[in-house]
Amino acid sequence: MRDPYLDGLKDDYDNYSNQLKKLKKKLLKSSSSGEQAKIIKQIDSIANKMENNQKQSVKVTKSRIKERKAKSKR
């Protein structure tokens, strides 16, 4: 099932994932506790965005399935 909106959500999720990988490397290299705290806040923010992205994806997928079932009953 190809859906432009869902494809966009997947692309956003992949971008968040890549950002997390970069921040993880940056966190491991950092020795300053202040810098580490900033990085952890960024990681937490991105994780929240990813969670919201996944929730939205599930909602849209369920909606699309309902639409398909309604069309097939007609």
C-alpha atoms as a PDB file:
ATOM      1  CA  MET A   1       0.000   0.000   0.000  1.00  0.00           C
ATOM      2  CA  ARG A   2       1.650   3.208  -1.170  1.00  0.00           C
ATOM      3  CA  ASP A   3       0.525   6.293   0.680  1.00  0.00           C
ATOM      4  CA  PRO A   4       2.326   9.632   0.289  1.00  0.00           C
ATOM      5  CA  TYR A   5       1.473  10.743   3.831  1.00  0.00           C
ATOM      6  CA  LEU A   6       2.706   7.503   5.378  1.00  0.00           C
ATOM      7  CA  ASP A   7       5.817   7.639   3.201  1.00  0.00           C
ATOM      8  CA  GLY A   8       6.468  11.145   4.549  1.00  0.00           C
ATOM      9  CA  LEU A   9       6.085   9.919   8.125  1.00  0.00           C
ATOM     10  CA  LYS A  10       8.516   7.086   7.406  1.00  0.00           C
ATOM     11  CA  ASP A  11      11.040   9.534   5.937  1.00  0.00           C
ATOM     12  CA  ASP A  12      10.706  11.753   9.009  1.00  0.00           C
ATOM     13  CA  TYR A  13      11.237   8.731  11.260  1.00  0.00           C
ATOM     14  CA  ASP A  14      14.369   7.758   9.338  1.00  0.00           C
ATOM     15  CA  ASN A  15      15.704  11.316   9.683  1.00  0.00           C
ATOM     16  CA  TYR A  16      15.072  11.242  13.436  1.00  0.00           C
ATOM     17  CA  SER A  17      16.859   7.913  13.645  1.00  0.00           C
ATOM     18  CA  ASN A  18      19.891   9.300  11.823  1.00  0.00           C
ATOM     19  CA  GLN A  19      19.947  12.346  14.121  1.00  0.00           C
ATOM     20  CA  LEU A  20      19.899  10.048  17.152  1.00  0.00           C
ATOM     21  CA  LYS A  21      22.850   8.060  15.826  1.00  0.00           C
ATOM     22  CA  LYS A  22      24.862  11.271  15.373  1.00  0.00           C
ATOM     23  CA  LEU A  23      23.928  12.548  18.820  1.00  0.00           C
ATOM     24  CA  LYS A  24      24.864   9.211  20.384  1.00  0.00           C
ATOM     25  CA  LYS A  25      28.338   9.414  18.858  1.00  0.00           C
ATOM     26  CA  LYS A  26      28.635  13.024  19.975  1.00  0.00           C
ATOM     27  CA  LEU A  27      27.548  12.078  23.504  1.00  0.00           C
ATOM     28  CA  LEU A  28      30.108   9.289  23.736  1.00  0.00           C
ATOM     29  CA  LYS A  29      32.897  11.630  22.615  1.00  0.00           C
ATOM     30  CA  SER A  30      31.889  14.459  24.952  1.00  0.00           C
ATOM     31  CA  SER A  31      33.640  14.831  28.286  1.00  0.00           C
ATOM     32  CA  SER A  32      31.845  17.956  29.526  1.00  0.00           C
ATOM     33  CA  SER A  33      28.845  17.217  31.724  1.00  0.00           C
ATOM     34  CA  GLY A  34      27.161  20.442  30.574  1.00  0.00           C
ATOM     35  CA  GLU A  35      27.497  19.443  26.934  1.00  0.00           C
ATOM     36  CA  GLN A  36      26.300  15.929  27.748  1.00  0.00           C
ATOM     37  CA  ALA A  37      23.191  17.367  29.419  1.00  0.00           C
ATOM     38  CA  LYS A  38      22.414  19.403  26.273  1.00  0.00           C
ATOM     39  CA  ILE A  39      22.859  16.351  24.071  1.00  0.00           C
ATOM     40  CA  ILE A  40      20.625  14.260  26.326  1.00  0.00           C
ATOM     41  CA  LYS A  41      17.897  16.928  26.108  1.00  0.00           C
ATOM     42  CA  GLN A  42      18.195  16.853  22.298  1.00  0.00           C
ATOM     43  CA  ILE A  43      17.985  13.048  22.312  1.00  0.00           C
ATOM     44  CA  ASP A  44      14.917  13.189  24.548  1.00  0.00           C
ATOM     45  CA  SER A  45      13.253  15.736  22.259  1.00  0.00           C
ATOM     46  CA  ILE A  46      13.903  13.631  19.159  1.00  0.00           C
ATOM     47  CA  ALA A  47      12.669  10.499  20.943  1.00  0.00           C
ATOM     48  CA  ASN A  48       9.404  12.306  21.743  1.00  0.00           C
ATOM     49  CA  LYS A  49       9.070  13.355  18.099  1.00  0.00           C
ATOM     50  CA  MET A  50       9.658   9.761  17.013  1.00  0.00           C
ATOM     51  CA  GLU A  51       7.015   8.518  19.430  1.00  0.00           C
ATOM     52  CA  ASN A  52       4.480  11.037  18.133  1.00  0.00           C
ATOM     53  CA  ASN A  53       5.408  10.097  14.577  1.00  0.00           C
ATOM     54  CA  GLN A  54       4.738   6.433  15.315  1.00  0.00           C
ATOM     55  CA  LYS A  55       1.391   7.201  16.981  1.00  0.00           C
ATOM     56  CA  GLN A  56       0.340   9.262  13.965  1.00  0.00           C
ATOM     57  CA  SER A  57       1.459   6.508  11.617  1.00  0.00           C
ATOM     58  CA  VAL A  58      -0.642   3.941  13.480  1.00  0.00           C
ATOM     59  CA  LYS A  59      -3.705   6.221  13.415  1.00  0.00           C
ATOM     60  CA  VAL A  60      -3.361   6.860   9.683  1.00  0.00           C
ATOM     61  CA  THR A  61      -2.782   3.183   8.915  1.00  0.00           C
ATOM     62  CA  LYS A  62      -5.905   2.175  10.853  1.00  0.00           C
ATOM     63  CA  SER A  63      -7.879   4.875   9.065  1.00  0.00           C
ATOM     64  CA  ARG A  64      -6.661   3.708   5.660  1.00  0.00           C
ATOM     65  CA  ILE A  65      -7.606   0.110   6.499  1.00  0.00           C
ATOM     66  CA  LYS A  66     -11.106   1.217   7.513  1.00  0.00           C
ATOM     67  CA  GLU A  67     -11.430   3.147   4.235  1.00  0.00           C
ATOM     68  CA  ARG A  68     -10.413   0.083   2.232  1.00  0.00           C
ATOM     69  CA  LYS A  69     -12.892  -2.126   4.066  1.00  0.00           C
ATOM     70  CA  ALA A  70     -15.668   0.408   3.488  1.00  0.00           C
ATOM     71  CA  LYS A  71     -14.857   0.558  -0.233  1.00  0.00           C
ATOM     72  CA  SER A  72     -14.813  -3.221  -0.567  1.00  0.00           C
ATOM     73  CA  LYS A  73     -18.258  -3.534   1.061  1.00  0.00           C
ATOM     74  CA  ARG A  74     -19.824  -1.235  -1.522  1.00  0.00           C
END
